[in-house]
C-alpha atoms as a PDB file:
ATOM      1  CA  MET A   1       2.510 -39.514  38.415  1.00  0.00           C
ATOM      2  CA  PHE A   2       6.203 -39.273  37.746  1.00  0.00           C
ATOM      3  CA  THR A   3       5.528 -37.976  34.242  1.00  0.00           C
ATOM      4  CA  SER A   4       3.222 -35.286  35.605  1.00  0.00           C
ATOM      5  CA  LEU A   5       5.752 -34.312  38.253  1.00  0.00           C
ATOM      6  CA  ALA A   6       8.553 -34.065  35.703  1.00  0.00           C
ATOM      7  CA  PHE A   7       6.362 -31.934  33.446  1.00  0.00           C
ATOM      8  CA  ALA A   8       5.480 -29.625  36.310  1.00  0.00           C
ATOM      9  CA  LEU A   9       9.130 -29.249  37.276  1.00  0.00           C
ATOM     10  CA  SER A  10      10.102 -28.467  33.692  1.00  0.00           C
ATOM     11  CA  LEU A  11       7.483 -25.725  33.570  1.00  0.00           C
ATOM     12  CA  ALA A  12       8.730 -24.274  36.825  1.00  0.00           C
ATOM     13  CA  ALA A  13      12.328 -24.249  35.615  1.00  0.00           C
ATOM     14  CA  ALA A  14      11.597 -22.744  32.198  1.00  0.00           C
ATOM     15  CA  PRO A  15      11.593 -18.943  31.839  1.00  0.00           C
ATOM     16  CA  GLN A  16       8.026 -17.657  31.591  1.00  0.00           C
ATOM     17  CA  ALA A  17       7.047 -15.785  28.458  1.00  0.00           C
ATOM     18  CA  SER A  18       5.319 -13.160  30.593  1.00  0.00           C
ATOM     19  CA  ASN A  19       8.479 -12.420  32.557  1.00  0.00           C
ATOM     20  CA  PRO A  20      11.198  -9.973  31.458  1.00  0.00           C
ATOM     21  CA  SER A  21      14.425 -11.304  30.006  1.00  0.00           C
ATOM     22  CA  PHE A  22      16.308 -10.381  33.190  1.00  0.00           C
ATOM     23  CA  ASN A  23      15.989 -10.992  36.930  1.00  0.00           C
ATOM     24  CA  CYS A  24      13.841  -8.202  38.356  1.00  0.00           C
ATOM     25  CA  SER A  25      15.508  -8.559  41.752  1.00  0.00           C
ATOM     26  CA  ARG A  26      18.642  -7.253  40.034  1.00  0.00           C
ATOM     27  CA  ALA A  27      16.989  -4.490  38.019  1.00  0.00           C
ATOM     28  CA  SER A  28      19.265  -1.448  38.023  1.00  0.00           C
ATOM     29  CA  THR A  29      18.313   0.898  35.183  1.00  0.00           C
ATOM     30  CA  PRO A  30      15.204   3.124  34.956  1.00  0.00           C
ATOM     31  CA  SER A  31      13.801   1.112  32.070  1.00  0.00           C
ATOM     32  CA  GLU A  32      14.374  -2.210  33.852  1.00  0.00           C
ATOM     33  CA  HIS A  33      12.441  -0.996  36.898  1.00  0.00           C
ATOM     34  CA  ALA A  34       9.597   0.210  34.659  1.00  0.00           C
ATOM     35  CA  ILE A  35       9.528  -3.099  32.775  1.00  0.00           C
ATOM     36  CA  CYS A  36       9.361  -5.086  36.007  1.00  0.00           C
ATOM     37  CA  ALA A  37       6.474  -2.937  37.255  1.00  0.00           C
ATOM     38  CA  GLU A  38       4.206  -3.678  34.277  1.00  0.00           C
ATOM     39  CA  PRO A  39       3.553  -7.225  32.976  1.00  0.00           C
ATOM     40  CA  ARG A  40       2.803  -5.960  29.459  1.00  0.00           C
ATOM     41  CA  LEU A  41       6.263  -4.403  29.254  1.00  0.00           C
ATOM     42  CA  GLY A  42       7.765  -7.565  30.698  1.00  0.00           C
ATOM     43  CA  ARG A  43       6.247  -9.607  27.888  1.00  0.00           C
ATOM     44  CA  LEU A  44       7.564  -7.180  25.296  1.00  0.00           C
ATOM     45  CA  ASP A  45      11.046  -7.277  26.799  1.00  0.00           C
ATOM     46  CA  ARG A  46      11.001 -11.081  26.688  1.00  0.00           C
ATOM     47  CA  ARG A  47       9.878 -11.061  23.034  1.00  0.00           C
ATOM     48  CA  LEU A  48      12.579  -8.559  22.161  1.00  0.00           C
ATOM     49  CA  ALA A  49      15.322 -10.536  23.894  1.00  0.00           C
ATOM     50  CA  ASP A  50      14.236 -13.829  22.327  1.00  0.00           C
ATOM     51  CA  ARG A  51      14.097 -12.292  18.858  1.00  0.00           C
ATOM     52  CA  TYR A  52      17.498 -10.659  19.289  1.00  0.00           C
ATOM     53  CA  VAL A  53      19.077 -13.964  20.332  1.00  0.00           C
ATOM     54  CA  ALA A  54      17.488 -15.825  17.400  1.00  0.00           C
ATOM     55  CA  VAL A  55      18.550 -13.258  14.802  1.00  0.00           C
ATOM     56  CA  ARG A  56      22.048 -12.940  16.206  1.00  0.00           C
ATOM     57  CA  ARG A  57      22.486 -16.713  16.203  1.00  0.00           C
ATOM     58  CA  SER A  58      21.812 -16.858  12.450  1.00  0.00           C
ATOM     59  CA  MET A  59      24.425 -14.204  11.611  1.00  0.00           C
ATOM     60  CA  THR A  60      28.101 -14.393  10.758  1.00  0.00           C
ATOM     61  CA  PRO A  61      30.622 -13.383  13.455  1.00  0.00           C
ATOM     62  CA  ALA A  62      31.108  -9.949  11.866  1.00  0.00           C
ATOM     63  CA  GLN A  63      27.371  -9.344  11.696  1.00  0.00           C
ATOM     64  CA  ARG A  64      26.897 -10.514  15.290  1.00  0.00           C
ATOM     65  CA  GLU A  65      29.550  -8.115  16.513  1.00  0.00           C
ATOM     66  CA  ALA A  66      27.871  -5.225  14.705  1.00  0.00           C
ATOM     67  CA  LEU A  67      24.394  -6.149  15.952  1.00  0.00           C
ATOM     68  CA  THR A  68      25.679  -6.384  19.532  1.00  0.00           C
ATOM     69  CA  ARG A  69      26.942  -2.794  19.299  1.00  0.00           C
ATOM     70  CA  ASP A  70      23.659  -1.640  17.790  1.00  0.00           C
ATOM     71  CA  GLN A  71      21.640  -3.384  20.505  1.00  0.00           C
ATOM     72  CA  ARG A  72      23.710  -1.679  23.197  1.00  0.00           C
ATOM     73  CA  TRP A  73      22.963   1.643  21.508  1.00  0.00           C
ATOM     74  CA  PHE A  74      19.246   0.857  21.486  1.00  0.00           C
ATOM     75  CA  LEU A  75      19.233  -0.192  25.161  1.00  0.00           C
ATOM     76  CA  GLY A  76      21.186   2.903  26.179  1.00  0.00           C
ATOM     77  CA  ALA A  77      18.674   5.096  24.345  1.00  0.00           C
ATOM     78  CA  ARG A  78      15.812   3.234  26.003  1.00  0.00           C
ATOM     79  CA  ASP A  79      17.307   3.874  29.440  1.00  0.00           C
ATOM     80  CA  GLU A  80      17.984   7.546  28.768  1.00  0.00           C
ATOM     81  CA  TRP A  81      14.433   8.135  27.555  1.00  0.00           C
ATOM     82  CA  GLN A  82      12.899   6.389  30.578  1.00  0.00           C
ATOM     83  CA  GLU A  83      15.071   8.356  32.997  1.00  0.00           C
ATOM     84  CA  ASN A  84      13.910  11.644  31.437  1.00  0.00           C
ATOM     85  CA  HIS A  85      10.455  10.750  30.094  1.00  0.00           C
ATOM     86  CA  THR A  86       8.571  13.359  32.138  1.00  0.00           C
ATOM     87  CA  ARG A  87      10.768  16.225  30.967  1.00  0.00           C
ATOM     88  CA  GLY A  88      10.122  18.520  28.042  1.00  0.00           C
ATOM     89  CA  GLY A  89      11.952  17.373  24.946  1.00  0.00           C
ATOM     90  CA  PHE A  90      11.477  13.729  25.966  1.00  0.00           C
ATOM     91  CA  ARG A  91       7.838  13.081  26.865  1.00  0.00           C
ATOM     92  CA  ASP A  92       6.557  13.631  23.318  1.00  0.00           C
ATOM     93  CA  PHE A  93       8.660  10.764  21.954  1.00  0.00           C
ATOM     94  CA  ASP A  94       8.024   7.002  21.856  1.00  0.00           C
ATOM     95  CA  ASP A  95       7.475   5.322  25.213  1.00  0.00           C
ATOM     96  CA  LEU A  96       9.010   1.998  26.277  1.00  0.00           C
ATOM     97  CA  SER A  97       6.238  -0.044  24.684  1.00  0.00           C
ATOM     98  CA  ALA A  98       6.580   1.668  21.306  1.00  0.00           C
ATOM     99  CA  ARG A  99      10.378   1.497  21.404  1.00  0.00           C
ATOM    100  CA  MET A 100      10.439  -2.239  22.081  1.00  0.00           C
ATOM    101  CA  THR A 101       7.697  -2.948  19.535  1.00  0.00           C
ATOM    102  CA  GLU A 102       9.613  -1.033  16.863  1.00  0.00           C
ATOM    103  CA  ARG A 103      12.857  -2.791  17.760  1.00  0.00           C
ATOM    104  CA  ILE A 104      11.186  -6.184  17.402  1.00  0.00           C
ATOM    105  CA  ALA A 105       9.920  -5.114  13.968  1.00  0.00           C
ATOM    106  CA  PHE A 106      13.455  -3.987  13.073  1.00  0.00           C
ATOM    107  CA  LEU A 107      14.896  -7.379  14.038  1.00  0.00           C
ATOM    108  CA  ASP A 108      12.154  -9.166  12.087  1.00  0.00           C
ATOM    109  CA  GLN A 109      13.122  -7.224   8.950  1.00  0.00           C
ATOM    110  CA  LEU A 110      16.835  -8.009   9.016  1.00  0.00           C
ATOM    111  CA  ARG A 111      18.388 -10.169   6.323  1.00  0.00           C
ATOM    112  CA  THR A 112      20.895 -12.373   8.107  1.00  0.00           C
ATOM    113  CA  GLN A 113      22.591 -13.682   4.967  1.00  0.00           C
ATOM    114  CA  PRO A 114      25.649 -11.486   4.300  1.00  0.00           C
ATOM    115  CA  ALA A 115      24.882  -8.895   1.628  1.00  0.00           C
ATOM    116  CA  THR A 116      26.767  -8.999  -1.669  1.00  0.00           C
ATOM    117  CA  HIS A 117      25.590  -5.688  -3.153  1.00  0.00           C
ATOM    118  CA  LEU A 118      24.959  -2.138  -1.991  1.00  0.00           C
ATOM    119  CA  GLN A 119      21.430  -1.761  -3.302  1.00  0.00           C
ATOM    120  CA  GLY A 120      18.658  -2.014  -0.737  1.00  0.00           C
ATOM    121  CA  VAL A 121      17.314  -0.425   2.423  1.00  0.00           C
ATOM    122  CA  TRP A 122      19.726  -0.553   5.347  1.00  0.00           C
ATOM    123  CA  ARG A 123      18.907   0.363   8.932  1.00  0.00           C
ATOM    124  CA  ASN A 124      20.337   0.666  12.427  1.00  0.00           C
ATOM    125  CA  ALA A 125      19.147   2.078  15.762  1.00  0.00           C
ATOM    126  CA  ALA A 126      19.353   5.675  14.524  1.00  0.00           C
ATOM    127  CA  GLY A 127      18.815   5.783  10.808  1.00  0.00           C
ATOM    128  CA  THR A 128      18.248   4.448   7.320  1.00  0.00           C
ATOM    129  CA  VAL A 129      20.327   4.243   4.146  1.00  0.00           C
ATOM    130  CA  ASP A 130      18.332   3.766   0.939  1.00  0.00           C
ATOM    131  CA  ILE A 131      20.439   2.790  -2.092  1.00  0.00           C
ATOM    132  CA  ARG A 132      18.728   2.420  -5.462  1.00  0.00           C
ATOM    133  CA  THR A 133      19.873   1.516  -8.957  1.00  0.00           C
ATOM    134  CA  LEU A 134      19.584   4.262 -11.568  1.00  0.00           C
ATOM    135  CA  GLU A 135      20.195   4.203 -15.295  1.00  0.00           C
ATOM    136  CA  LYS A 136      23.631   4.179 -16.912  1.00  0.00           C
ATOM    137  CA  GLY A 137      25.278   2.288 -14.069  1.00  0.00           C
ATOM    138  CA  GLN A 138      24.629   4.879 -11.387  1.00  0.00           C
ATOM    139  CA  VAL A 139      23.044   4.527  -7.948  1.00  0.00           C
ATOM    140  CA  SER A 140      21.307   6.998  -5.661  1.00  0.00           C
ATOM    141  CA  VAL A 141      21.997   7.114  -1.924  1.00  0.00           C
ATOM    142  CA  GLN A 142      19.741   8.710   0.693  1.00  0.00           C
ATOM    143  CA  ILE A 143      20.836   8.723   4.353  1.00  0.00           C
ATOM    144  CA  ASN A 144      18.572   9.890   7.165  1.00  0.00           C
ATOM    145  CA  ALA A 145      19.318   9.634  10.869  1.00  0.00           C
ATOM    146  CA  ALA A 146      18.081  11.031  14.177  1.00  0.00           C
ATOM    147  CA  HIS A 147      19.253  10.698  17.759  1.00  0.00           C
ATOM    148  CA  PRO A 148      17.477   7.530  18.981  1.00  0.00           C
ATOM    149  CA  VAL A 149      16.420   9.033  22.324  1.00  0.00           C
ATOM    150  CA  ASN A 150      14.596  12.223  21.340  1.00  0.00           C
ATOM    151  CA  ALA A 151      15.813  13.328  17.897  1.00  0.00           C
ATOM    152  CA  ARG A 152      17.872  16.117  19.442  1.00  0.00           C
ATOM    153  CA  TRP A 153      19.825  16.019  16.230  1.00  0.00           C
ATOM    154  CA  THR A 154      18.859  14.889  12.746  1.00  0.00           C
ATOM    155  CA  CYS A 155      20.890  14.242   9.603  1.00  0.00           C
ATOM    156  CA  ASP A 156      20.002  14.181   5.920  1.00  0.00           C
ATOM    157  CA  VAL A 157      22.532  13.604   3.156  1.00  0.00           C
ATOM    158  CA  SER A 158      22.074  12.240  -0.343  1.00  0.00           C
ATOM    159  CA  GLY A 159      23.794  11.907  -3.680  1.00  0.00           C
ATOM    160  CA  ARG A 160      24.384   9.720  -6.674  1.00  0.00           C
ATOM    161  CA  GLY A 161      27.294   8.222  -8.527  1.00  0.00           C
ATOM    162  CA  ARG A 162      28.941   5.044  -9.723  1.00  0.00           C
ATOM    163  CA  VAL A 163      29.898   2.152  -7.490  1.00  0.00           C
ATOM    164  CA  GLY A 164      33.613   1.415  -7.480  1.00  0.00           C
ATOM    165  CA  ASP A 165      35.130  -1.442  -5.487  1.00  0.00           C
ATOM    166  CA  ARG A 166      31.732  -1.986  -3.802  1.00  0.00           C
ATOM    167  CA  ALA A 167      31.737   1.585  -2.464  1.00  0.00           C
ATOM    168  CA  ILE A 168      30.445   5.041  -3.306  1.00  0.00           C
ATOM    169  CA  THR A 169      31.473   8.422  -1.902  1.00  0.00           C
ATOM    170  CA  LEU A 170      29.004  11.292  -1.516  1.00  0.00           C
ATOM    171  CA  ASP A 171      29.720  15.006  -1.370  1.00  0.00           C
ATOM    172  CA  GLY A 172      28.416  16.174   2.007  1.00  0.00           C
ATOM    173  CA  GLY A 173      29.244  19.845   1.434  1.00  0.00           C
ATOM    174  CA  ASP A 174      31.851  22.153   3.012  1.00  0.00           C
ATOM    175  CA  GLY A 175      34.576  19.615   2.291  1.00  0.00           C
ATOM    176  CA  TRP A 176      32.812  16.731   4.031  1.00  0.00           C
ATOM    177  CA  ARG A 177      32.507  13.402   2.226  1.00  0.00           C
ATOM    178  CA  VAL A 178      30.465  10.354   3.171  1.00  0.00           C
ATOM    179  CA  ARG A 179      31.725   6.954   2.028  1.00  0.00           C
ATOM    180  CA  VAL A 180      29.325   4.011   1.847  1.00  0.00           C
ATOM    181  CA  SER A 181      30.766   0.520   1.367  1.00  0.00           C
ATOM    182  CA  LEU A 182      30.164  -3.171   1.951  1.00  0.00           C
ATOM    183  CA  ASP A 183      32.107  -4.548   4.892  1.00  0.00           C
ATOM    184  CA  ARG A 184      31.833  -8.274   5.627  1.00  0.00           C
ATOM    185  CA  GLY A 185      28.160  -8.446   4.722  1.00  0.00           C
ATOM    186  CA  VAL A 186      26.979  -5.217   6.357  1.00  0.00           C
ATOM    187  CA  LEU A 187      26.990  -1.586   5.239  1.00  0.00           C
ATOM    188  CA  LYS A 188      29.726   0.665   6.565  1.00  0.00           C
ATOM    189  CA  VAL A 189      29.184   4.428   6.494  1.00  0.00           C
ATOM    190  CA  GLU A 190      32.234   6.624   7.089  1.00  0.00           C
ATOM    191  CA  GLU A 191      32.381  10.401   7.402  1.00  0.00           C
ATOM    192  CA  LEU A 192      35.594  11.794   5.905  1.00  0.00           C
ATOM    193  CA  THR A 193      36.458  14.948   7.812  1.00  0.00           C
ATOM    194  CA  PRO A 194      37.893  17.973   5.960  1.00  0.00           C
ATOM    195  CA  ALA A 195      41.117  19.569   7.176  1.00  0.00           C
ATOM    196  CA  SER A 196      39.165  22.535   8.533  1.00  0.00           C
ATOM    197  CA  ARG A 197      36.963  20.198  10.638  1.00  0.00           C
ATOM    198  CA  THR A 198      33.871  22.309  10.075  1.00  0.00           C
ATOM    199  CA  ILE A 199      30.465  21.357  11.432  1.00  0.00           C
ATOM    200  CA  ARG A 200      28.709  18.709   9.340  1.00  0.00           C
ATOM    201  CA  PRO A 201      26.417  20.683   7.005  1.00  0.00           C
ATOM    202  CA  TYR A 202      24.037  17.739   6.675  1.00  0.00           C
ATOM    203  CA  CYS A 203      23.492  17.234  10.431  1.00  0.00           C
ATOM    204  CA  GLY A 204      22.298  19.183  13.425  1.00  0.00           C
ATOM    205  CA  ALA A 205      24.700  19.885  16.295  1.00  0.00           C
ATOM    206  CA  ASN A 206      26.606  16.734  17.347  1.00  0.00           C
ATOM    207  CA  GLY A 207      24.799  14.622  14.760  1.00  0.00           C
ATOM    208  CA  HIS A 208      26.467  11.930  12.663  1.00  0.00           C
ATOM    209  CA  VAL A 209      25.616   9.191  10.170  1.00  0.00           C
ATOM    210  CA  ASP A 210      28.715   7.020  10.451  1.00  0.00           C
ATOM    211  CA  GLY A 211      28.397   3.444  11.672  1.00  0.00           C
ATOM    212  CA  THR A 212      27.121   0.054  10.605  1.00  0.00           C
ATOM    213  CA  TYR A 213      23.756  -0.534   8.932  1.00  0.00           C
ATOM    214  CA  PHE A 214      21.945  -3.823   8.298  1.00  0.00           C
ATOM    215  CA  LEU A 215      20.155  -4.899   5.130  1.00  0.00           C
ATOM    216  CA  THR A 216      16.387  -5.260   5.582  1.00  0.00           C
ATOM    217  CA  ARG A 217      13.774  -7.245   3.693  1.00  0.00           C
END
């Protein structure tokens, strides 16, 4: 009897897999209210939160810090889409279910061991960096990004060259340069602004590719 009672109490105290990762009585954002209103979304939110915690736990402090920033970016984009999902320019893009499913897949693909080389496919909430080895000691770099809410801007920049000091710098055009380097196990992309501060020729209005990217499997 006591064993059964203890088991029942443990089940009652444990978070249910069908429930969201947060207390619905304290839901405050548009996406949180939508998640609480539909059990299927609640289950996805729980899966996403559990996967995020597990992946983050296996990372180094520098990687964890970067993933925390990226997760905030993802959640902010999720909220903005939900708040505007019936409007033109928003409704044709991924809904909450698709966004959370894709984010879970992203987390599943991450390599948590700190990277020691540039080559590979790197991703974050907005884009992808594909770095491949070429002949004669050169590498190719392809960077693509889009605003994570509704692709209101997109970016596309590429180039090739030799890796020096675990970094490579691309010519972005109009004086812009894009530097790609390893930084404590993750990929750091920096946009080097010309003195004239012209619009990025490789991005739409307000677009950018700078930030931290994570190596994927």
